[in-house]
Amino acid sequence: MRRVWASVWLALVLTACGRIPEDASGIEIYLQACARCHGAELEGRIGPALGAGSDVADQPDQYYVTTITRGKGRMPSFRATLTEEQIERVIAFVRSRQIGR
């Protein structure tokens, strides 16, 4: 639990700085770039839920890559914000939460 709060704190600090470090973990990237719309627990808010049982949980990884890179609906493109490696890390984080690891 302490690690989660430390990650939340770090994400808030990074958000204040306005950029995501190259080596940020999947959870750090998610909390800074995604949680505002998809919820801190992947429960959905402005954007759809991403957690276990959500409409997108069964989509292939390429769906996430395309959506993050190009944007979709009200979701903006993160092509200029996230590297391919960061996108892979954030997808891995989302996947880990979808299967409860």
C-alpha atoms as a PDB file:
ATOM      1  CA  MET A   1       0.000   0.000   0.000  1.00  0.00           C
ATOM      2  CA  ARG A   2       2.861   2.387   0.774  1.00  0.00           C
ATOM      3  CA  ARG A   3       4.266   1.779  -2.707  1.00  0.00           C
ATOM      4  CA  VAL A   4       0.923   2.714  -4.291  1.00  0.00           C
ATOM      5  CA  TRP A   5       0.770   5.963  -2.319  1.00  0.00           C
ATOM      6  CA  ALA A   6       4.387   6.701  -3.195  1.00  0.00           C
ATOM      7  CA  SER A   7       3.516   6.187  -6.864  1.00  0.00           C
ATOM      8  CA  VAL A   8       0.468   8.437  -6.529  1.00  0.00           C
ATOM      9  CA  TRP A   9       2.606  11.128  -4.902  1.00  0.00           C
ATOM     10  CA  LEU A  10       5.240  10.817  -7.611  1.00  0.00           C
ATOM     11  CA  ALA A  11       2.589  11.033 -10.325  1.00  0.00           C
ATOM     12  CA  LEU A  12       1.207  14.220  -8.783  1.00  0.00           C
ATOM     13  CA  VAL A  13       4.676  15.741  -8.686  1.00  0.00           C
ATOM     14  CA  LEU A  14       5.311  14.723 -12.299  1.00  0.00           C
ATOM     15  CA  THR A  15       1.969  16.168 -13.356  1.00  0.00           C
ATOM     16  CA  ALA A  16       2.923  19.471 -11.793  1.00  0.00           C
ATOM     17  CA  CYS A  17       6.135  19.380 -13.820  1.00  0.00           C
ATOM     18  CA  GLY A  18       4.170  18.673 -17.009  1.00  0.00           C
ATOM     19  CA  ARG A  19       6.306  15.898 -18.482  1.00  0.00           C
ATOM     20  CA  ILE A  20       6.631  12.175 -18.068  1.00  0.00           C
ATOM     21  CA  PRO A  21      10.163  10.909 -17.446  1.00  0.00           C
ATOM     22  CA  GLU A  22      11.490   8.490 -20.063  1.00  0.00           C
ATOM     23  CA  ASP A  23      11.931   5.736 -17.447  1.00  0.00           C
ATOM     24  CA  ALA A  24       8.555   6.186 -15.697  1.00  0.00           C
ATOM     25  CA  SER A  25       6.833   2.952 -14.729  1.00  0.00           C
ATOM     26  CA  GLY A  26       3.497   1.881 -16.195  1.00  0.00           C
ATOM     27  CA  ILE A  27       1.589   2.975 -13.095  1.00  0.00           C
ATOM     28  CA  GLU A  28       3.347   6.336 -13.062  1.00  0.00           C
ATOM     29  CA  ILE A  29       2.492   6.910 -16.719  1.00  0.00           C
ATOM     30  CA  TYR A  30      -1.093   5.794 -16.167  1.00  0.00           C
ATOM     31  CA  LEU A  31      -1.603   8.029 -13.146  1.00  0.00           C
ATOM     32  CA  GLN A  32      -0.176  11.056 -14.913  1.00  0.00           C
ATOM     33  CA  ALA A  33      -1.570  10.637 -18.414  1.00  0.00           C
ATOM     34  CA  CYS A  34      -4.648   8.422 -18.114  1.00  0.00           C
ATOM     35  CA  ALA A  35      -6.215   8.423 -14.642  1.00  0.00           C
ATOM     36  CA  ARG A  36      -7.829  11.844 -14.990  1.00  0.00           C
ATOM     37  CA  CYS A  37     -10.201  10.423 -17.613  1.00  0.00           C
ATOM     38  CA  HIS A  38     -10.140   6.667 -17.002  1.00  0.00           C
ATOM     39  CA  GLY A  39     -10.064   6.796 -13.173  1.00  0.00           C
ATOM     40  CA  ALA A  40      -7.292   5.949 -10.731  1.00  0.00           C
ATOM     41  CA  GLU A  41      -8.699   2.427 -10.410  1.00  0.00           C
ATOM     42  CA  LEU A  42      -9.463   2.057 -14.149  1.00  0.00           C
ATOM     43  CA  GLU A  43     -13.149   2.438 -13.264  1.00  0.00           C
ATOM     44  CA  GLY A  44     -13.892   4.979 -15.985  1.00  0.00           C
ATOM     45  CA  ARG A  45     -14.856   8.611 -15.627  1.00  0.00           C
ATOM     46  CA  ILE A  46     -14.889  10.850 -18.700  1.00  0.00           C
ATOM     47  CA  GLY A  47     -13.231   8.017 -20.621  1.00  0.00           C
ATOM     48  CA  PRO A  48     -14.408   4.407 -20.540  1.00  0.00           C
ATOM     49  CA  ALA A  49     -13.499   1.912 -17.842  1.00  0.00           C
ATOM     50  CA  LEU A  50     -10.380  -0.116 -18.607  1.00  0.00           C
ATOM     51  CA  GLY A  51     -10.426  -2.611 -15.742  1.00  0.00           C
ATOM     52  CA  ALA A  52     -11.440  -6.255 -15.580  1.00  0.00           C
ATOM     53  CA  GLY A  53     -14.812  -6.871 -17.181  1.00  0.00           C
ATOM     54  CA  SER A  54     -14.771  -3.574 -19.091  1.00  0.00           C
ATOM     55  CA  ASP A  55     -15.834  -3.347 -22.717  1.00  0.00           C
ATOM     56  CA  VAL A  56     -12.202  -2.991 -23.818  1.00  0.00           C
ATOM     57  CA  ALA A  57     -10.568  -5.584 -21.544  1.00  0.00           C
ATOM     58  CA  ASP A  58     -10.731  -8.245 -24.260  1.00  0.00           C
ATOM     59  CA  GLN A  59      -9.289  -6.029 -26.994  1.00  0.00           C
ATOM     60  CA  PRO A  60      -5.837  -6.973 -28.344  1.00  0.00           C
ATOM     61  CA  ASP A  61      -2.816  -4.906 -27.327  1.00  0.00           C
ATOM     62  CA  GLN A  62      -2.719  -3.358 -30.815  1.00  0.00           C
ATOM     63  CA  TYR A  63      -6.112  -1.758 -30.096  1.00  0.00           C
ATOM     64  CA  TYR A  64      -4.565   0.034 -27.113  1.00  0.00           C
ATOM     65  CA  VAL A  65      -1.444   1.014 -29.072  1.00  0.00           C
ATOM     66  CA  THR A  66      -3.552   2.498 -31.872  1.00  0.00           C
ATOM     67  CA  THR A  67      -5.928   4.274 -29.496  1.00  0.00           C
ATOM     68  CA  ILE A  68      -3.122   5.769 -27.389  1.00  0.00           C
ATOM     69  CA  THR A  69      -1.090   6.787 -30.427  1.00  0.00           C
ATOM     70  CA  ARG A  70      -3.872   8.174 -32.622  1.00  0.00           C
ATOM     71  CA  GLY A  71      -6.542   9.062 -30.078  1.00  0.00           C
ATOM     72  CA  LYS A  72     -10.196   8.061 -30.369  1.00  0.00           C
ATOM     73  CA  GLY A  73     -13.373  10.064 -29.874  1.00  0.00           C
ATOM     74  CA  ARG A  74     -12.665  12.604 -27.125  1.00  0.00           C
ATOM     75  CA  MET A  75      -9.367  10.936 -26.238  1.00  0.00           C
ATOM     76  CA  PRO A  76      -6.392  12.883 -27.556  1.00  0.00           C
ATOM     77  CA  SER A  77      -3.408  11.381 -29.327  1.00  0.00           C
ATOM     78  CA  PHE A  78      -0.382  10.730 -27.121  1.00  0.00           C
ATOM     79  CA  ARG A  79       1.950  10.267 -30.117  1.00  0.00           C
ATOM     80  CA  ALA A  80       3.979  13.361 -29.194  1.00  0.00           C
ATOM     81  CA  THR A  81       3.793  12.714 -25.442  1.00  0.00           C
ATOM     82  CA  LEU A  82       4.671   9.039 -24.966  1.00  0.00           C
ATOM     83  CA  THR A  83       7.402   6.898 -26.483  1.00  0.00           C
ATOM     84  CA  GLU A  84       6.675   3.409 -27.810  1.00  0.00           C
ATOM     85  CA  GLU A  85       8.323   1.956 -24.694  1.00  0.00           C
ATOM     86  CA  GLN A  86       6.167   4.104 -22.402  1.00  0.00           C
ATOM     87  CA  ILE A  87       3.058   2.997 -24.272  1.00  0.00           C
ATOM     88  CA  GLU A  88       4.114  -0.637 -23.819  1.00  0.00           C
ATOM     89  CA  ARG A  89       4.635  -0.054 -20.076  1.00  0.00           C
ATOM     90  CA  VAL A  90       1.258   1.615 -19.581  1.00  0.00           C
ATOM     91  CA  ILE A  91      -0.490  -1.170 -21.507  1.00  0.00           C
ATOM     92  CA  ALA A  92       1.315  -3.768 -19.370  1.00  0.00           C
ATOM     93  CA  PHE A  93       0.106  -1.942 -16.246  1.00  0.00           C
ATOM     94  CA  VAL A  94      -3.500  -1.850 -17.499  1.00  0.00           C
ATOM     95  CA  ARG A  95      -3.308  -5.547 -18.426  1.00  0.00           C
ATOM     96  CA  SER A  96      -1.958  -6.426 -14.973  1.00  0.00           C
ATOM     97  CA  ARG A  97      -4.962  -4.720 -13.384  1.00  0.00           C
ATOM     98  CA  GLN A  98      -7.381  -6.426 -15.755  1.00  0.00           C
ATOM     99  CA  ILE A  99      -6.253  -9.856 -14.620  1.00  0.00           C
ATOM    100  CA  GLY A 100      -5.778  -8.863 -10.980  1.00  0.00           C
ATOM    101  CA  ARG A 101      -1.999  -9.188 -10.688  1.00  0.00           C
END
